[in-house]
Amino acid sequence: MDGHPLDTDGIRGKTKGFISRHFKSYDLRDDEDIFSLGFVNSLFAMQLVIFVEKEFQMKVDDEDLQIENFRTVNALVDLVRRKRKL
């Protein structure tokens, strides 16, 4: 269930929706490592950063570009909440 775009459910829903469009035949869990599953290449990693910046109106700084921040849906939710101070 999607909530307000900047509450945890809203962030999770939008993020999972974006990722799922690229992996249509796979039901991704929020804690699954999209890198170890082999779904992510360098192009998709950059698309994911751009999506996060545009969708949540935030800047992903160089120090945020760590794989741990992008490895799972939950990690992405935490990154957005931390950067947006939610």
Protein backbone atom coordinates (compact mmCIF):
# COMPACT_ATOMS: atom_id res chain seq x y z
CA MET A 1 0.00 0.00 0.00
CA ASP A 2 1.51 3.32 -1.02
CA GLY A 3 1.22 6.13 1.46
CA HIS A 4 2.34 9.72 1.14
CA PRO A 5 5.28 9.91 -1.30
CA LEU A 6 7.73 10.75 1.48
CA ASP A 7 6.60 8.37 4.20
CA THR A 8 8.27 5.00 4.51
CA ASP A 9 5.53 3.13 2.62
CA GLY A 10 5.49 5.73 -0.15
CA ILE A 11 9.26 5.64 -0.57
CA ARG A 12 9.24 1.83 -0.53
CA GLY A 13 6.40 1.61 -3.04
CA LYS A 14 7.94 4.03 -5.52
CA THR A 15 11.39 2.46 -5.21
CA LYS A 16 10.15 -1.10 -5.52
CA GLY A 17 7.97 -0.09 -8.46
CA PHE A 18 10.95 1.42 -10.30
CA ILE A 19 13.16 -1.61 -9.69
CA SER A 20 10.40 -4.10 -10.50
CA ARG A 21 9.84 -2.54 -13.93
CA HIS A 22 13.33 -3.77 -14.80
CA PHE A 23 12.82 -7.28 -13.37
CA LYS A 24 9.26 -8.01 -14.46
CA SER A 25 9.34 -11.76 -13.94
CA TYR A 26 10.82 -11.64 -10.43
CA ASP A 27 8.97 -10.83 -7.19
CA LEU A 28 11.63 -8.83 -5.36
CA ARG A 29 11.54 -8.83 -1.56
CA ASP A 30 12.45 -5.62 0.26
CA ASP A 31 15.54 -7.19 1.84
CA GLU A 32 16.92 -8.97 -1.25
CA ASP A 33 20.30 -7.89 -2.58
CA ILE A 34 19.70 -6.77 -6.16
CA PHE A 35 23.44 -6.83 -6.85
CA SER A 36 24.02 -10.42 -5.71
CA LEU A 37 20.94 -11.52 -7.68
CA GLY A 38 22.76 -10.30 -10.79
CA PHE A 39 20.07 -7.81 -11.77
CA VAL A 40 22.24 -4.72 -11.64
CA ASN A 41 24.78 -3.56 -14.18
CA SER A 42 26.57 -0.22 -14.14
CA LEU A 43 23.96 1.42 -16.36
CA PHE A 44 21.10 0.35 -14.11
CA ALA A 45 23.04 1.48 -11.03
CA MET A 46 23.28 4.98 -12.53
CA GLN A 47 19.58 4.91 -13.50
CA LEU A 48 18.77 4.01 -9.90
CA VAL A 49 20.76 6.99 -8.58
CA ILE A 50 19.03 9.33 -11.06
CA PHE A 51 15.62 7.90 -10.14
CA VAL A 52 16.24 8.49 -6.42
CA GLU A 53 17.41 12.06 -7.01
CA LYS A 54 14.48 13.00 -9.26
CA GLU A 55 11.72 11.08 -7.51
CA PHE A 56 12.59 12.25 -4.00
CA GLN A 57 14.06 15.67 -4.89
CA MET A 58 17.38 15.02 -3.19
CA LYS A 59 21.05 15.00 -4.09
CA VAL A 60 22.97 11.75 -3.83
CA ASP A 61 26.41 12.94 -2.76
CA ASP A 62 29.67 11.16 -3.53
CA GLU A 63 29.83 9.77 0.01
CA ASP A 64 26.36 8.24 -0.51
CA LEU A 65 27.51 6.29 -3.59
CA GLN A 66 28.25 3.16 -1.60
CA ILE A 67 26.81 -0.16 -2.66
CA GLU A 68 25.33 -0.67 0.81
CA ASN A 69 22.97 2.28 0.20
CA PHE A 70 21.60 0.73 -3.00
CA ARG A 71 21.79 -3.02 -2.32
CA THR A 72 18.16 -3.54 -1.23
CA VAL A 73 14.82 -1.73 -1.32
CA ASN A 74 15.14 -1.31 2.46
CA ALA A 75 18.60 0.26 2.09
CA LEU A 76 17.26 2.72 -0.47
CA VAL A 77 14.35 3.65 1.81
CA ASP A 78 16.85 4.28 4.63
CA LEU A 79 19.03 6.43 2.35
CA VAL A 80 16.09 8.60 1.26
CA ARG A 81 14.80 8.97 4.83
CA ARG A 82 18.28 9.88 6.09
CA LYS A 83 18.98 12.38 3.31
CA ARG A 84 15.51 13.95 3.54
CA LYS A 85 15.70 13.85 7.38
CA LEU A 86 12.38 12.00 7.66
